[in-house]
C-alpha atoms as a PDB file:
ATOM      1  CA  MET A   1     116.392  33.415 115.001  1.00  0.00           C
ATOM      2  CA  ARG A   2     114.952  36.917 115.279  1.00  0.00           C
ATOM      3  CA  THR A   3     113.073  39.293 112.986  1.00  0.00           C
ATOM      4  CA  MET A   4     114.261  42.824 112.282  1.00  0.00           C
ATOM      5  CA  PHE A   5     112.563  45.586 110.313  1.00  0.00           C
ATOM      6  CA  ASP A   6     113.887  48.785 108.766  1.00  0.00           C
ATOM      7  CA  ALA A   7     112.399  51.609 106.683  1.00  0.00           C
ATOM      8  CA  VAL A   8     113.248  55.216 105.864  1.00  0.00           C
ATOM      9  CA  ASN A   9     109.609  56.048 106.709  1.00  0.00           C
ATOM     10  CA  ILE A  10     109.485  55.310 110.443  1.00  0.00           C
ATOM     11  CA  ALA A  11     105.692  55.311 110.367  1.00  0.00           C
ATOM     12  CA  SER A  12     105.870  52.103 108.284  1.00  0.00           C
ATOM     13  CA  LEU A  13     107.524  50.153 111.125  1.00  0.00           C
ATOM     14  CA  PRO A  14     105.279  47.751 113.049  1.00  0.00           C
ATOM     15  CA  ALA A  15     104.366  48.834 116.543  1.00  0.00           C
ATOM     16  CA  ASP A  16     105.120  45.384 117.999  1.00  0.00           C
ATOM     17  CA  ALA A  17     108.637  45.029 116.462  1.00  0.00           C
ATOM     18  CA  THR A  18     111.293  43.673 118.769  1.00  0.00           C
ATOM     19  CA  MET A  19     114.333  44.624 116.635  1.00  0.00           C
ATOM     20  CA  LEU A  20     114.768  47.572 114.304  1.00  0.00           C
ATOM     21  CA  ALA A  21     117.556  49.224 112.262  1.00  0.00           C
ATOM     22  CA  GLY A  22     117.983  52.898 111.489  1.00  0.00           C
ATOM     23  CA  TYR A  23     120.395  55.344 109.843  1.00  0.00           C
ATOM     24  CA  VAL A  24     122.808  57.585 111.722  1.00  0.00           C
ATOM     25  CA  ASP A  25     123.770  59.635 108.609  1.00  0.00           C
ATOM     26  CA  GLY A  26     122.963  60.041 104.951  1.00  0.00           C
ATOM     27  CA  ARG A  27     121.674  62.797 102.689  1.00  0.00           C
ATOM     28  CA  ASN A  28     118.023  61.835 103.044  1.00  0.00           C
ATOM     29  CA  THR A  29     118.171  60.249 106.512  1.00  0.00           C
ATOM     30  CA  THR A  30     119.544  62.975 108.797  1.00  0.00           C
ATOM     31  CA  GLY A  31     118.308  62.393 112.317  1.00  0.00           C
ATOM     32  CA  HIS A  32     116.651  59.088 111.317  1.00  0.00           C
ATOM     33  CA  PHE A  33     118.051  56.984 114.152  1.00  0.00           C
ATOM     34  CA  GLU A  34     117.158  59.595 116.805  1.00  0.00           C
ATOM     35  CA  ARG A  35     113.529  59.666 115.520  1.00  0.00           C
ATOM     36  CA  LEU A  36     113.485  55.886 115.455  1.00  0.00           C
ATOM     37  CA  LYS A  37     114.593  55.600 119.079  1.00  0.00           C
ATOM     38  CA  ALA A  38     112.095  58.259 120.113  1.00  0.00           C
ATOM     39  CA  ALA A  39     109.265  56.323 118.450  1.00  0.00           C
ATOM     40  CA  HIS A  40     110.440  52.922 119.736  1.00  0.00           C
ATOM     41  CA  PRO A  41     112.326  53.608 123.014  1.00  0.00           C
ATOM     42  CA  HIS A  42     112.134  50.049 124.338  1.00  0.00           C
ATOM     43  CA  VAL A  43     113.116  48.209 121.169  1.00  0.00           C
ATOM     44  CA  GLN A  44     116.641  46.939 120.317  1.00  0.00           C
ATOM     45  CA  CYS A  45     117.842  49.230 117.488  1.00  0.00           C
ATOM     46  CA  VAL A  46     120.861  48.692 115.230  1.00  0.00           C
ATOM     47  CA  ARG A  47     122.731  51.735 113.864  1.00  0.00           C
ATOM     48  CA  ILE A  48     123.652  51.977 110.122  1.00  0.00           C
ATOM     49  CA  THR A  49     126.132  54.338 108.538  1.00  0.00           C
ATOM     50  CA  VAL A  50     125.822  54.913 104.792  1.00  0.00           C
ATOM     51  CA  THR A  51     128.821  57.249 104.522  1.00  0.00           C
ATOM     52  CA  GLY A  52     131.419  55.552 106.729  1.00  0.00           C
ATOM     53  CA  GLY A  53     132.040  58.955 108.314  1.00  0.00           C
ATOM     54  CA  THR A  54     131.408  57.690 111.864  1.00  0.00           C
ATOM     55  CA  LEU A  55     132.344  54.674 113.933  1.00  0.00           C
ATOM     56  CA  ASP A  56     129.216  55.141 116.073  1.00  0.00           C
ATOM     57  CA  ALA A  57     127.294  52.547 114.088  1.00  0.00           C
ATOM     58  CA  GLU A  58     127.302  48.758 114.111  1.00  0.00           C
ATOM     59  CA  VAL A  59     126.680  48.361 110.353  1.00  0.00           C
ATOM     60  CA  GLY A  60     128.257  49.862 107.270  1.00  0.00           C
ATOM     61  CA  ASP A  61     125.915  50.060 104.252  1.00  0.00           C
ATOM     62  CA  ILE A  62     127.421  49.033 100.919  1.00  0.00           C
ATOM     63  CA  GLU A  63     125.135  49.727  97.976  1.00  0.00           C
ATOM     64  CA  THR A  64     124.732  52.182  95.084  1.00  0.00           C
ATOM     65  CA  GLY A  65     124.914  55.743  96.414  1.00  0.00           C
ATOM     66  CA  ASP A  66     126.398  54.642  99.733  1.00  0.00           C
ATOM     67  CA  MET A  67     129.741  52.995 100.503  1.00  0.00           C
ATOM     68  CA  SER A  68     131.598  50.914  97.904  1.00  0.00           C
ATOM     69  CA  PRO A  69     133.089  47.482  98.662  1.00  0.00           C
ATOM     70  CA  HIS A  70     136.468  49.207  99.057  1.00  0.00           C
ATOM     71  CA  SER A  71     135.334  52.068 101.310  1.00  0.00           C
ATOM     72  CA  GLY A  72     133.074  49.705 103.279  1.00  0.00           C
ATOM     73  CA  ALA A  73     135.962  47.372 104.002  1.00  0.00           C
ATOM     74  CA  ALA A  74     138.101  50.342 105.010  1.00  0.00           C
ATOM     75  CA  TRP A  75     135.370  51.480 107.461  1.00  0.00           C
ATOM     76  CA  ALA A  76     135.231  47.985 108.934  1.00  0.00           C
ATOM     77  CA  ALA A  77     139.027  48.019 109.374  1.00  0.00           C
ATOM     78  CA  ARG A  78     138.775  51.284 111.294  1.00  0.00           C
ATOM     79  CA  LYS A  79     136.068  49.777 113.534  1.00  0.00           C
ATOM     80  CA  ILE A  80     138.225  46.737 114.220  1.00  0.00           C
ATOM     81  CA  ALA A  81     141.235  48.934 115.016  1.00  0.00           C
ATOM     82  CA  ALA A  82     139.009  50.722 117.550  1.00  0.00           C
ATOM     83  CA  GLY A  83     138.277  47.403 119.262  1.00  0.00           C
ATOM     84  CA  HIS A  84     134.807  46.786 117.801  1.00  0.00           C
ATOM     85  CA  HIS A  85     133.217  43.967 115.743  1.00  0.00           C
ATOM     86  CA  PRO A  86     131.660  45.604 112.631  1.00  0.00           C
ATOM     87  CA  THR A  87     129.037  44.313 110.214  1.00  0.00           C
ATOM     88  CA  LEU A  88     128.897  45.089 106.495  1.00  0.00           C
ATOM     89  CA  TYR A  89     125.525  45.150 104.697  1.00  0.00           C
ATOM     90  CA  CYS A  90     125.402  44.335 100.951  1.00  0.00           C
ATOM     91  CA  ASN A  91     123.443  42.543  98.280  1.00  0.00           C
ATOM     92  CA  THR A  92     124.317  38.886  97.696  1.00  0.00           C
ATOM     93  CA  SER A  93     125.409  39.844  94.184  1.00  0.00           C
ATOM     94  CA  THR A  94     127.949  42.309  95.658  1.00  0.00           C
ATOM     95  CA  TRP A  95     129.031  40.061  98.521  1.00  0.00           C
ATOM     96  CA  PRO A  96     131.910  38.305  96.652  1.00  0.00           C
ATOM     97  CA  ARG A  97     133.485  41.723  95.852  1.00  0.00           C
ATOM     98  CA  VAL A  98     133.038  42.869  99.460  1.00  0.00           C
ATOM     99  CA  ARG A  99     134.717  39.726 100.783  1.00  0.00           C
ATOM    100  CA  ALA A 100     137.566  40.183  98.333  1.00  0.00           C
ATOM    101  CA  GLU A 101     138.193  43.686  99.632  1.00  0.00           C
ATOM    102  CA  VAL A 102     137.984  42.435 103.223  1.00  0.00           C
ATOM    103  CA  GLN A 103     140.466  39.716 102.387  1.00  0.00           C
ATOM    104  CA  LYS A 104     142.776  42.211 100.652  1.00  0.00           C
ATOM    105  CA  ILE A 105     143.141  44.413 103.713  1.00  0.00           C
ATOM    106  CA  GLY A 106     143.567  41.463 106.102  1.00  0.00           C
ATOM    107  CA  ILE A 107     140.450  41.606 108.271  1.00  0.00           C
ATOM    108  CA  ALA A 108     138.651  38.425 107.089  1.00  0.00           C
ATOM    109  CA  GLY A 109     137.048  36.552 109.982  1.00  0.00           C
ATOM    110  CA  ARG A 110     136.881  39.652 112.164  1.00  0.00           C
ATOM    111  CA  LEU A 111     133.532  41.052 111.017  1.00  0.00           C
ATOM    112  CA  SER A 112     130.020  39.959 110.148  1.00  0.00           C
ATOM    113  CA  TYR A 113     127.854  40.219 107.042  1.00  0.00           C
ATOM    114  CA  TRP A 114     124.210  41.247 106.709  1.00  0.00           C
ATOM    115  CA  VAL A 115     123.131  40.394 103.176  1.00  0.00           C
ATOM    116  CA  ALA A 116     120.100  41.278 101.089  1.00  0.00           C
ATOM    117  CA  GLN A 117     118.305  39.055  98.599  1.00  0.00           C
ATOM    118  CA  TYR A 118     114.584  39.683  98.052  1.00  0.00           C
ATOM    119  CA  ASP A 119     113.604  36.074  97.329  1.00  0.00           C
ATOM    120  CA  GLY A 120     111.168  35.689 100.202  1.00  0.00           C
ATOM    121  CA  ASP A 121     113.282  32.978 101.814  1.00  0.00           C
ATOM    122  CA  PRO A 122     114.082  33.756 105.493  1.00  0.00           C
ATOM    123  CA  THR A 123     117.198  31.568 105.588  1.00  0.00           C
ATOM    124  CA  ILE A 124     120.545  33.091 106.527  1.00  0.00           C
ATOM    125  CA  PRO A 125     123.221  31.913 104.056  1.00  0.00           C
ATOM    126  CA  ALA A 126     126.431  30.408 105.341  1.00  0.00           C
ATOM    127  CA  GLY A 127     128.899  33.101 106.296  1.00  0.00           C
ATOM    128  CA  ALA A 128     126.304  35.765 107.132  1.00  0.00           C
ATOM    129  CA  ILE A 129     124.760  36.883 110.414  1.00  0.00           C
ATOM    130  CA  ALA A 130     121.493  38.194 108.941  1.00  0.00           C
ATOM    131  CA  LYS A 131     119.534  38.245 105.693  1.00  0.00           C
ATOM    132  CA  GLN A 132     117.135  40.935 104.401  1.00  0.00           C
ATOM    133  CA  PHE A 133     114.723  38.781 102.429  1.00  0.00           C
ATOM    134  CA  THR A 134     111.922  41.175 101.429  1.00  0.00           C
ATOM    135  CA  ASP A 135     111.278  44.926 100.966  1.00  0.00           C
ATOM    136  CA  LYS A 136     107.488  44.426 100.980  1.00  0.00           C
ATOM    137  CA  ALA A 137     106.970  43.085 104.519  1.00  0.00           C
ATOM    138  CA  LEU A 138     103.406  43.200 105.855  1.00  0.00           C
ATOM    139  CA  GLY A 139     102.203  44.405 102.437  1.00  0.00           C
ATOM    140  CA  ARG A 140     103.955  47.763 102.696  1.00  0.00           C
ATOM    141  CA  SER A 141     107.268  49.399 101.766  1.00  0.00           C
ATOM    142  CA  LEU A 142     109.163  47.772 104.617  1.00  0.00           C
ATOM    143  CA  ASP A 143     112.372  45.754 104.790  1.00  0.00           C
ATOM    144  CA  GLN A 144     112.370  42.547 106.835  1.00  0.00           C
ATOM    145  CA  SER A 145     115.416  40.552 107.904  1.00  0.00           C
ATOM    146  CA  ILE A 146     116.056  37.294 109.700  1.00  0.00           C
ATOM    147  CA  VAL A 147     118.816  37.642 112.274  1.00  0.00           C
ATOM    148  CA  ALA A 148     120.921  35.099 114.114  1.00  0.00           C
ATOM    149  CA  ALA A 149     120.327  34.566 117.821  1.00  0.00           C
ATOM    150  CA  HIS A 150     123.587  36.277 118.674  1.00  0.00           C
ATOM    151  CA  TRP A 151     124.987  39.157 116.595  1.00  0.00           C
ATOM    152  CA  PRO A 152     128.585  40.055 117.508  1.00  0.00           C
ATOM    153  CA  GLY A 153     129.059  43.797 117.878  1.00  0.00           C
ATOM    154  CA  VAL A 154     125.324  44.295 118.312  1.00  0.00           C
ATOM    155  CA  ASP A 155     124.382  41.927 121.159  1.00  0.00           C
ATOM    156  CA  ALA A 156     126.311  41.791 124.409  1.00  0.00           C
ATOM    157  CA  ASP A 157     129.262  39.407 124.328  1.00  0.00           C
ATOM    158  CA  ILE A 158     128.864  35.971 125.914  1.00  0.00           C
ATOM    159  CA  ASP A 159     131.593  34.832 128.330  1.00  0.00           C
ATOM    160  CA  PRO A 160     133.720  32.897 128.582  1.00  0.00           C
ATOM    161  CA  THR A 161     135.111  32.779 125.064  1.00  0.00           C
ATOM    162  CA  PRO A 162     137.018  29.836 123.582  1.00  0.00           C
ATOM    163  CA  GLU A 163     140.817  30.407 123.458  1.00  0.00           C
ATOM    164  CA  LEU A 164     142.185  29.342 120.056  1.00  0.00           C
ATOM    165  CA  THR A 165     145.824  28.169 119.991  1.00  0.00           C
ATOM    166  CA  VAL A 166     148.125  27.151 117.114  1.00  0.00           C
ATOM    167  CA  ALA A 167     149.297  23.710 118.228  1.00  0.00           C
ATOM    168  CA  ALA A 168     151.559  22.913 115.243  1.00  0.00           C
ATOM    169  CA  VAL A 169     152.526  24.203 111.767  1.00  0.00           C
ATOM    170  CA  ASN A 170     154.105  21.811 109.280  1.00  0.00           C
ATOM    171  CA  ARG A 171     154.493  21.852 105.464  1.00  0.00           C
ATOM    172  CA  GLY A 172     151.587  24.111 104.602  1.00  0.00           C
ATOM    173  CA  HIS A 173     149.262  22.719 107.268  1.00  0.00           C
ATOM    174  CA  ALA A 174     148.387  23.816 110.767  1.00  0.00           C
ATOM    175  CA  THR A 175     146.740  22.149 113.725  1.00  0.00           C
ATOM    176  CA  PHE A 176     144.650  24.225 116.141  1.00  0.00           C
ATOM    177  CA  THR A 177     143.210  23.504 119.538  1.00  0.00           C
ATOM    178  CA  TRP A 178     140.806  25.548 121.647  1.00  0.00           C
ATOM    179  CA  THR A 179     139.372  25.473 125.129  1.00  0.00           C
ATOM    180  CA  GLN A 180     135.949  23.869 125.202  1.00  0.00           C
ATOM    181  CA  MET A 181     133.235  26.098 126.575  1.00  0.00           C
ATOM    182  CA  PRO A 182     130.740  24.836 129.131  1.00  0.00           C
ATOM    183  CA  GLY A 183     127.352  24.468 127.447  1.00  0.00           C
ATOM    184  CA  ALA A 184     128.687  24.508 123.877  1.00  0.00           C
ATOM    185  CA  THR A 185     127.406  21.627 121.712  1.00  0.00           C
ATOM    186  CA  SER A 186     129.550  22.217 118.625  1.00  0.00           C
ATOM    187  CA  TYR A 187     132.259  24.511 117.171  1.00  0.00           C
ATOM    188  CA  ASP A 188     132.378  26.056 113.685  1.00  0.00           C
ATOM    189  CA  PHE A 189     135.952  26.419 112.454  1.00  0.00           C
ATOM    190  CA  PHE A 190     136.548  29.406 110.123  1.00  0.00           C
ATOM    191  CA  GLN A 191     139.495  29.969 107.784  1.00  0.00           C
ATOM    192  CA  ASP A 192     139.702  33.477 106.265  1.00  0.00           C
ATOM    193  CA  GLY A 193     136.116  34.041 107.265  1.00  0.00           C
ATOM    194  CA  GLU A 194     134.817  30.903 105.516  1.00  0.00           C
ATOM    195  CA  LEU A 195     133.301  27.978 107.433  1.00  0.00           C
ATOM    196  CA  MET A 196     135.615  24.949 106.934  1.00  0.00           C
ATOM    197  CA  ALA A 197     134.366  22.350 109.430  1.00  0.00           C
ATOM    198  CA  VAL A 198     132.065  21.674 112.347  1.00  0.00           C
ATOM    199  CA  HIS A 199     133.550  19.921 115.391  1.00  0.00           C
ATOM    200  CA  THR A 200     132.283  18.633 118.704  1.00  0.00           C
ATOM    201  CA  ALA A 201     135.803  18.584 120.217  1.00  0.00           C
ATOM    202  CA  GLY A 202     138.510  21.231 120.452  1.00  0.00           C
ATOM    203  CA  LYS A 203     140.847  20.367 117.573  1.00  0.00           C
ATOM    204  CA  HIS A 204     141.158  21.064 113.834  1.00  0.00           C
ATOM    205  CA  THR A 205     143.861  20.374 111.223  1.00  0.00           C
ATOM    206  CA  THR A 206     143.792  22.258 107.891  1.00  0.00           C
ATOM    207  CA  GLY A 207     143.669  20.372 104.637  1.00  0.00           C
ATOM    208  CA  PRO A 208     143.772  18.689 102.278  1.00  0.00           C
ATOM    209  CA  ASP A 209     145.536  21.361 100.210  1.00  0.00           C
ATOM    210  CA  ARG A 210     148.680  23.045 101.479  1.00  0.00           C
ATOM    211  CA  LEU A 211     148.349  26.712 102.477  1.00  0.00           C
ATOM    212  CA  HIS A 212     150.627  29.535 101.429  1.00  0.00           C
ATOM    213  CA  GLY A 213     150.858  33.118 102.654  1.00  0.00           C
ATOM    214  CA  GLU A 214     148.915  34.682 105.546  1.00  0.00           C
ATOM    215  CA  HIS A 215     145.619  33.164 106.718  1.00  0.00           C
ATOM    216  CA  THR A 216     143.286  33.934 109.595  1.00  0.00           C
ATOM    217  CA  PHE A 217     141.517  31.362 111.744  1.00  0.00           C
ATOM    218  CA  ARG A 218     138.712  31.547 114.313  1.00  0.00           C
ATOM    219  CA  VAL A 219     136.253  29.271 116.121  1.00  0.00           C
ATOM    220  CA  LEU A 220     132.570  29.945 116.804  1.00  0.00           C
ATOM    221  CA  ALA A 221     131.129  28.077 119.791  1.00  0.00           C
ATOM    222  CA  LEU A 222     127.480  27.079 119.370  1.00  0.00           C
ATOM    223  CA  GLY A 223     125.069  25.927 122.068  1.00  0.00           C
ATOM    224  CA  PRO A 224     121.432  25.703 123.101  1.00  0.00           C
ATOM    225  CA  HIS A 225     119.136  28.749 123.422  1.00  0.00           C
ATOM    226  CA  GLY A 226     121.014  30.725 120.765  1.00  0.00           C
ATOM    227  CA  LEU A 227     124.447  30.564 122.443  1.00  0.00           C
ATOM    228  CA  ARG A 228     127.021  31.896 119.925  1.00  0.00           C
ATOM    229  CA  VAL A 229     130.484  33.161 120.857  1.00  0.00           C
ATOM    230  CA  PHE A 230     133.659  33.633 118.779  1.00  0.00           C
ATOM    231  CA  SER A 231     137.150  32.818 119.927  1.00  0.00           C
ATOM    232  CA  ASN A 232     140.136  35.059 119.418  1.00  0.00           C
ATOM    233  CA  THR A 233     141.652  35.201 115.895  1.00  0.00           C
ATOM    234  CA  GLN A 234     144.930  33.462 115.049  1.00  0.00           C
ATOM    235  CA  VAL A 235     146.942  34.668 112.062  1.00  0.00           C
ATOM    236  CA  VAL A 236     149.407  32.163 110.556  1.00  0.00           C
ATOM    237  CA  THR A 237     151.878  32.825 107.726  1.00  0.00           C
ATOM    238  CA  PHE A 238     152.815  29.788 105.663  1.00  0.00           C
ATOM    239  CA  PRO A 239     155.890  29.604 103.356  1.00  0.00           C
END
């Protein structure tokens, strides 16, 4: 896990930070990211768009005054269409509505979530890649997040990736297999962006309920030293 800070007031950011986030647009944050990089040239910095007017950002900000769940999901879809892996930021109270919009436009499982809940608990909830757990870090007006060891779309991809294959489809169920990656110790199996099972081998069968309509599936390979890499996405339509 890693720690990331962000603040509109760049002077509030700790000098020894190793990961920061800044804004590429916004009414009150014009030029924020450029000033952030100038002040911290050797720190990994994540770009946030609050308007959705640019694809030159890793994160889309969904909160009051910025993007809505609908417009945020639409921004993420444009990022995916451009060949990128986007992340949506939102409060945990808004997260269900965001995921519903993501599901509605058919991009579930193809993006990440950075969620905010100021409860002081630096634990990333299932289904998220990062959690902003306080806005009073170090006793000042400063946001602090806990971030997974590998953030798709932010960190460099890890190769090789598992290749997910649909092995069989029968009566509302599907069986999947995937290539096992050297060094991986387990595999998280995702259905429509939700974690369904953890495996140590390369096979999963859906169940127990029968599936109907279109569903997306993906595998996340996990290993030592923060190894995290997603497979391709398979889309299956059930009768």
